[in-house]
Amino acid sequence: MLPLEHVFSRRADFLTSGTLGHLQSTNNWYRIGQEWFFHRPACTEIGREIARWRAGR
Protein backbone atom coordinates (compact mmCIF):
# COMPACT_ATOMS: atom_id res chain seq x y z
CA MET A 1 0.00 0.00 0.00
CA LEU A 2 1.26 3.49 -0.88
CA PRO A 3 1.65 6.23 1.74
CA LEU A 4 -1.14 8.80 1.66
CA GLU A 5 1.31 11.60 0.80
CA HIS A 6 2.33 9.76 -2.36
CA VAL A 7 -1.24 9.13 -3.43
CA PHE A 8 -2.20 12.77 -2.86
CA SER A 9 0.79 14.14 -4.78
CA ARG A 10 0.16 11.81 -7.75
CA ARG A 11 -3.50 12.85 -7.76
CA ALA A 12 -2.48 16.51 -7.85
CA ASP A 13 -0.04 15.77 -10.71
CA PHE A 14 -2.69 14.02 -12.77
CA LEU A 15 -5.31 16.69 -12.13
CA THR A 16 -2.87 19.43 -13.15
CA SER A 17 -1.90 17.55 -16.31
CA GLY A 18 -5.55 16.88 -17.12
CA THR A 19 -6.46 20.54 -16.68
CA LEU A 20 -3.61 21.67 -18.94
CA GLY A 21 -4.67 19.12 -21.54
CA HIS A 22 -8.30 20.18 -21.34
CA LEU A 23 -7.30 23.80 -21.87
CA GLN A 24 -5.14 22.67 -24.83
CA SER A 25 -2.32 24.74 -23.42
CA THR A 26 1.03 24.37 -25.07
CA ASN A 27 4.40 25.35 -23.74
CA ASN A 28 7.74 23.84 -22.89
CA TRP A 29 6.62 22.42 -19.55
CA TYR A 30 10.01 20.77 -19.03
CA ARG A 31 11.82 24.12 -19.10
CA ILE A 32 9.18 25.75 -16.90
CA GLY A 33 9.58 22.89 -14.42
CA GLN A 34 13.33 23.48 -14.44
CA GLU A 35 12.67 27.06 -13.28
CA TRP A 36 10.60 25.89 -10.35
CA PHE A 37 12.47 22.80 -9.23
CA PHE A 38 16.07 23.72 -9.99
CA HIS A 39 15.91 27.54 -9.87
CA ARG A 40 17.04 27.90 -13.48
CA PRO A 41 16.63 31.21 -15.35
CA ALA A 42 13.13 31.99 -16.58
CA CYS A 43 12.30 30.81 -20.11
CA THR A 44 9.02 32.71 -20.58
CA GLU A 45 8.13 36.37 -20.50
CA ILE A 46 5.88 35.95 -17.44
CA GLY A 47 8.68 34.03 -15.71
CA ARG A 48 11.06 36.91 -16.35
CA GLU A 49 8.48 39.39 -15.01
CA ILE A 50 8.11 37.34 -11.83
CA ALA A 51 11.91 37.21 -11.45
CA ARG A 52 12.12 41.01 -11.80
CA TRP A 53 9.33 41.44 -9.27
CA ARG A 54 11.03 39.12 -6.78
CA ALA A 55 14.36 40.92 -7.22
CA GLY A 56 12.70 44.26 -6.43
CA ARG A 57 11.02 43.14 -3.21
PDB file of N, CA and C in Angstrom:
ATOM      1  N   MET A   1       0.849  -1.186   0.000  1.00  0.00           N
ATOM      2  CA  MET A   1       0.000   0.000   0.000  1.00  0.00           C
ATOM      3  C   MET A   1       0.897   1.252   0.000  1.00  0.00           C
ATOM      4  N   LEU A   2       0.491   2.251  -0.779  1.00  0.00           N
ATOM      5  CA  LEU A   2       1.260   3.490  -0.883  1.00  0.00           C
ATOM      6  C   LEU A   2       0.946   4.427   0.277  1.00  0.00           C
ATOM      7  N   PRO A   3       1.922   5.218   0.705  1.00  0.00           N
ATOM      8  CA  PRO A   3       1.650   6.225   1.735  1.00  0.00           C
ATOM      9  C   PRO A   3       0.663   7.266   1.193  1.00  0.00           C
ATOM     10  N   LEU A   4      -0.135   7.820   2.065  1.00  0.00           N
ATOM     11  CA  LEU A   4      -1.135   8.802   1.657  1.00  0.00           C
ATOM     12  C   LEU A   4      -0.519  10.010   0.959  1.00  0.00           C
ATOM     13  N   GLU A   5       0.656  10.437   1.416  1.00  0.00           N
ATOM     14  CA  GLU A   5       1.306  11.596   0.800  1.00  0.00           C
ATOM     15  C   GLU A   5       1.604  11.335  -0.678  1.00  0.00           C
ATOM     16  N   HIS A   6       2.025  10.115  -0.976  1.00  0.00           N
ATOM     17  CA  HIS A   6       2.335   9.761  -2.356  1.00  0.00           C
ATOM     18  C   HIS A   6       1.073   9.764  -3.209  1.00  0.00           C
ATOM     19  N   VAL A   7       0.021   9.192  -2.696  1.00  0.00           N
ATOM     20  CA  VAL A   7      -1.241   9.131  -3.434  1.00  0.00           C
ATOM     21  C   VAL A   7      -1.757  10.545  -3.692  1.00  0.00           C
ATOM     22  N   PHE A   8      -1.707  11.394  -2.690  1.00  0.00           N
ATOM     23  CA  PHE A   8      -2.195  12.765  -2.860  1.00  0.00           C
ATOM     24  C   PHE A   8      -1.374  13.519  -3.892  1.00  0.00           C
ATOM     25  N   SER A   9      -0.045  13.392  -3.841  1.00  0.00           N
ATOM     26  CA  SER A   9       0.794  14.139  -4.782  1.00  0.00           C
ATOM     27  C   SER A   9       0.591  13.630  -6.210  1.00  0.00           C
ATOM     28  N   ARG A  10       0.421  12.334  -6.404  1.00  0.00           N
ATOM     29  CA  ARG A  10       0.160  11.806  -7.750  1.00  0.00           C
ATOM     30  C   ARG A  10      -1.203  12.292  -8.251  1.00  0.00           C
ATOM     31  N   ARG A  11      -2.181  12.355  -7.373  1.00  0.00           N
ATOM     32  CA  ARG A  11      -3.497  12.845  -7.762  1.00  0.00           C
ATOM     33  C   ARG A  11      -3.399  14.306  -8.209  1.00  0.00           C
ATOM     34  N   ALA A  12      -2.658  15.106  -7.472  1.00  0.00           N
ATOM     35  CA  ALA A  12      -2.476  16.514  -7.851  1.00  0.00           C
ATOM     36  C   ALA A  12      -1.753  16.615  -9.189  1.00  0.00           C
ATOM     37  N   ASP A  13      -0.749  15.775  -9.429  1.00  0.00           N
ATOM     38  CA  ASP A  13      -0.038  15.770 -10.712  1.00  0.00           C
ATOM     39  C   ASP A  13      -0.985  15.457 -11.863  1.00  0.00           C
ATOM     40  N   PHE A  14      -1.783  14.419 -11.699  1.00  0.00           N
ATOM     41  CA  PHE A  14      -2.693  14.020 -12.769  1.00  0.00           C
ATOM     42  C   PHE A  14      -3.777  15.060 -13.005  1.00  0.00           C
ATOM     43  N   LEU A  15      -4.285  15.651 -11.953  1.00  0.00           N
ATOM     44  CA  LEU A  15      -5.314  16.685 -12.129  1.00  0.00           C
ATOM     45  C   LEU A  15      -4.736  17.916 -12.834  1.00  0.00           C
ATOM     46  N   THR A  16      -3.516  18.294 -12.482  1.00  0.00           N
ATOM     47  CA  THR A  16      -2.874  19.430 -13.149  1.00  0.00           C
ATOM     48  C   THR A  16      -2.653  19.114 -14.625  1.00  0.00           C
ATOM     49  N   SER A  17      -2.135  17.948 -14.922  1.00  0.00           N
ATOM     50  CA  SER A  17      -1.904  17.551 -16.315  1.00  0.00           C
ATOM     51  C   SER A  17      -3.215  17.485 -17.088  1.00  0.00           C
ATOM     52  N   GLY A  18      -4.248  16.952 -16.469  1.00  0.00           N
ATOM     53  CA  GLY A  18      -5.551  16.877 -17.118  1.00  0.00           C
ATOM     54  C   GLY A  18      -6.125  18.247 -17.408  1.00  0.00           C
ATOM     55  N   THR A  19      -5.963  19.174 -16.475  1.00  0.00           N
ATOM     56  CA  THR A  19      -6.459  20.535 -16.684  1.00  0.00           C
ATOM     57  C   THR A  19      -5.716  21.211 -17.820  1.00  0.00           C
ATOM     58  N   LEU A  20      -4.390  21.082 -17.856  1.00  0.00           N
ATOM     59  CA  LEU A  20      -3.607  21.673 -18.939  1.00  0.00           C
ATOM     60  C   LEU A  20      -4.000  21.062 -20.284  1.00  0.00           C
ATOM     61  N   GLY A  21      -4.245  19.775 -20.307  1.00  0.00           N
ATOM     62  CA  GLY A  21      -4.672  19.122 -21.539  1.00  0.00           C
ATOM     63  C   GLY A  21      -6.047  19.586 -21.973  1.00  0.00           C
ATOM     64  N   HIS A  22      -6.948  19.720 -21.031  1.00  0.00           N
ATOM     65  CA  HIS A  22      -8.304  20.179 -21.344  1.00  0.00           C
ATOM     66  C   HIS A  22      -8.289  21.593 -21.904  1.00  0.00           C
ATOM     67  N   LEU A  23      -7.421  22.427 -21.383  1.00  0.00           N
ATOM     68  CA  LEU A  23      -7.299  23.796 -21.871  1.00  0.00           C
ATOM     69  C   LEU A  23      -6.518  23.879 -23.186  1.00  0.00           C
ATOM     70  N   GLN A  24      -5.971  22.753 -23.627  1.00  0.00           N
ATOM     71  CA  GLN A  24      -5.145  22.670 -24.835  1.00  0.00           C
ATOM     72  C   GLN A  24      -3.986  23.666 -24.780  1.00  0.00           C
ATOM     73  N   SER A  25      -3.447  23.823 -23.590  1.00  0.00           N
ATOM     74  CA  SER A  25      -2.321  24.744 -23.422  1.00  0.00           C
ATOM     75  C   SER A  25      -1.048  24.084 -23.917  1.00  0.00           C
ATOM     76  N   THR A  26      -0.237  24.881 -24.562  1.00  0.00           N
ATOM     77  CA  THR A  26       1.033  24.369 -25.070  1.00  0.00           C
ATOM     78  C   THR A  26       2.151  25.270 -24.569  1.00  0.00           C
ATOM     79  N   ASN A  27       3.207  24.653 -24.175  1.00  0.00           N
ATOM     80  CA  ASN A  27       4.400  25.354 -23.744  1.00  0.00           C
ATOM     81  C   ASN A  27       5.479  24.324 -23.497  1.00  0.00           C
ATOM     82  N   ASN A  28       6.665  24.757 -23.210  1.00  0.00           N
ATOM     83  CA  ASN A  28       7.741  23.841 -22.895  1.00  0.00           C
ATOM     84  C   ASN A  28       7.703  23.598 -21.389  1.00  0.00           C
ATOM     85  N   TRP A  29       6.855  22.666 -20.978  1.00  0.00           N
ATOM     86  CA  TRP A  29       6.624  22.416 -19.553  1.00  0.00           C
ATOM     87  C   TRP A  29       7.886  21.909 -18.878  1.00  0.00           C
ATOM     88  N   TYR A  30       8.747  21.226 -19.605  1.00  0.00           N
ATOM     89  CA  TYR A  30      10.010  20.766 -19.031  1.00  0.00           C
ATOM     90  C   TYR A  30      10.850  21.955 -18.578  1.00  0.00           C
ATOM     91  N   ARG A  31      11.003  22.956 -19.453  1.00  0.00           N
ATOM     92  CA  ARG A  31      11.819  24.125 -19.103  1.00  0.00           C
ATOM     93  C   ARG A  31      11.177  24.932 -17.986  1.00  0.00           C
ATOM     94  N   ILE A  32       9.866  25.034 -17.977  1.00  0.00           N
ATOM     95  CA  ILE A  32       9.185  25.750 -16.901  1.00  0.00           C
ATOM     96  C   ILE A  32       9.388  25.009 -15.583  1.00  0.00           C
ATOM     97  N   GLY A  33       9.317  23.684 -15.618  1.00  0.00           N
ATOM     98  CA  GLY A  33       9.583  22.890 -14.420  1.00  0.00           C
ATOM     99  C   GLY A  33      10.998  23.083 -13.913  1.00  0.00           C
ATOM    100  N   GLN A  34      11.947  23.240 -14.828  1.00  0.00           N
ATOM    101  CA  GLN A  34      13.331  23.481 -14.437  1.00  0.00           C
ATOM    102  C   GLN A  34      13.451  24.781 -13.634  1.00  0.00           C
ATOM    103  N   GLU A  35      12.670  25.794 -14.028  1.00  0.00           N
ATOM    104  CA  GLU A  35      12.675  27.059 -13.276  1.00  0.00           C
ATOM    105  C   GLU A  35      12.243  26.821 -11.836  1.00  0.00           C
ATOM    106  N   TRP A  36      11.179  26.085 -11.681  1.00  0.00           N
ATOM    107  CA  TRP A  36      10.602  25.888 -10.354  1.00  0.00           C
ATOM    108  C   TRP A  36      11.428  24.969  -9.478  1.00  0.00           C
ATOM    109  N   PHE A  37      11.833  23.822 -10.052  1.00  0.00           N
ATOM    110  CA  PHE A  37      12.471  22.797  -9.232  1.00  0.00           C
ATOM    111  C   PHE A  37      13.958  23.004  -9.046  1.00  0.00           C
ATOM    112  N   PHE A  38      14.617  23.597 -10.042  1.00  0.00           N
ATOM    113  CA  PHE A  38      16.070  23.722  -9.990  1.00  0.00           C
ATOM    114  C   PHE A  38      16.538  25.173 -10.035  1.00  0.00           C
ATOM    115  N   HIS A  39      15.602  26.106  -9.918  1.00  0.00           N
ATOM    116  CA  HIS A  39      15.907  27.543  -9.870  1.00  0.00           C
ATOM    117  C   HIS A  39      16.740  27.997 -11.065  1.00  0.00           C
ATOM    118  N   ARG A  40      16.377  27.492 -12.235  1.00  0.00           N
ATOM    119  CA  ARG A  40      17.044  27.904 -13.475  1.00  0.00           C
ATOM    120  C   ARG A  40      16.471  29.240 -13.940  1.00  0.00           C
ATOM    121  N   PRO A  41      17.151  29.940 -14.830  1.00  0.00           N
ATOM    122  CA  PRO A  41      16.634  31.212 -15.346  1.00  0.00           C
ATOM    123  C   PRO A  41      15.283  31.021 -16.051  1.00  0.00           C
ATOM    124  N   ALA A  42      14.470  32.043 -15.987  1.00  0.00           N
ATOM    125  CA  ALA A  42      13.131  31.987 -16.583  1.00  0.00           C
ATOM    126  C   ALA A  42      13.215  31.833 -18.098  1.00  0.00           C
ATOM    127  N   CYS A  43      12.302  31.044 -18.662  1.00  0.00           N
ATOM    128  CA  CYS A  43      12.295  30.813 -20.109  1.00  0.00           C
ATOM    129  C   CYS A  43      11.077  31.442 -20.780  1.00  0.00           C
ATOM    130  N   THR A  44      10.195  32.050 -20.013  1.00  0.00           N
ATOM    131  CA  THR A  44       9.015  32.706 -20.580  1.00  0.00           C
ATOM    132  C   THR A  44       8.986  34.156 -20.135  1.00  0.00           C
ATOM    133  N   GLU A  45       8.224  34.958 -20.848  1.00  0.00           N
ATOM    134  CA  GLU A  45       8.126  36.372 -20.495  1.00  0.00           C
ATOM    135  C   GLU A  45       7.528  36.555 -19.096  1.00  0.00           C
ATOM    136  N   ILE A  46       6.486  35.798 -18.776  1.00  0.00           N
ATOM    137  CA  ILE A  46       5.881  35.953 -17.443  1.00  0.00           C
ATOM    138  C   ILE A  46       6.862  35.491 -16.360  1.00  0.00           C
ATOM    139  N   GLY A  47       7.659  34.471 -16.661  1.00  0.00           N
ATOM    140  CA  GLY A  47       8.678  34.029 -15.714  1.00  0.00           C
ATOM    141  C   GLY A  47       9.717  35.105 -15.458  1.00  0.00           C
ATOM    142  N   ARG A  48      10.097  35.815 -16.515  1.00  0.00           N
ATOM    143  CA  ARG A  48      11.058  36.910 -16.354  1.00  0.00           C
ATOM    144  C   ARG A  48      10.442  38.070 -15.562  1.00  0.00           C
ATOM    145  N   GLU A  49       9.167  38.339 -15.788  1.00  0.00           N
ATOM    146  CA  GLU A  49       8.476  39.385 -15.011  1.00  0.00           C
ATOM    147  C   GLU A  49       8.434  39.023 -13.530  1.00  0.00           C
ATOM    148  N   ILE A  50       8.145  37.791 -13.230  1.00  0.00           N
ATOM    149  CA  ILE A  50       8.112  37.340 -11.831  1.00  0.00           C
ATOM    150  C   ILE A  50       9.499  37.460 -11.215  1.00  0.00           C
ATOM    151  N   ALA A  51      10.530  37.092 -11.958  1.00  0.00           N
ATOM    152  CA  ALA A  51      11.910  37.209 -11.451  1.00  0.00           C
ATOM    153  C   ALA A  51      12.258  38.659 -11.152  1.00  0.00           C
ATOM    154  N   ARG A  52      11.861  39.583 -12.045  1.00  0.00           N
ATOM    155  CA  ARG A  52      12.122  41.013 -11.799  1.00  0.00           C
ATOM    156  C   ARG A  52      11.367  41.502 -10.561  1.00  0.00           C
ATOM    157  N   TRP A  53      10.130  41.050 -10.424  1.00  0.00           N
ATOM    158  CA  TRP A  53       9.327  41.441  -9.265  1.00  0.00           C
ATOM    159  C   TRP A  53       9.962  40.943  -7.966  1.00  0.00           C
ATOM    160  N   ARG A  54      10.395  39.685  -7.975  1.00  0.00           N
ATOM    161  CA  ARG A  54      11.030  39.118  -6.781  1.00  0.00           C
ATOM    162  C   ARG A  54      12.320  39.850  -6.441  1.00  0.00           C
ATOM    163  N   ALA A  55      13.089  40.221  -7.454  1.00  0.00           N
ATOM    164  CA  ALA A  55      14.355  40.919  -7.219  1.00  0.00           C
ATOM    165  C   ALA A  55      14.129  42.291  -6.624  1.00  0.00           C
ATOM    166  N   GLY A  56      12.982  42.930  -6.927  1.00  0.00           N
ATOM    167  CA  GLY A  56      12.705  44.257  -6.429  1.00  0.00           C
ATOM    168  C   GLY A  56      12.022  44.313  -5.087  1.00  0.00           C
ATOM    169  N   ARG A  57      11.711  43.159  -4.511  1.00  0.00           N
ATOM    170  CA  ARG A  57      11.018  43.138  -3.210  1.00  0.00           C
ATOM    171  C   ARG A  57      11.963  43.410  -2.074  1.00  0.00           C
TER     172      ARG A  57
END
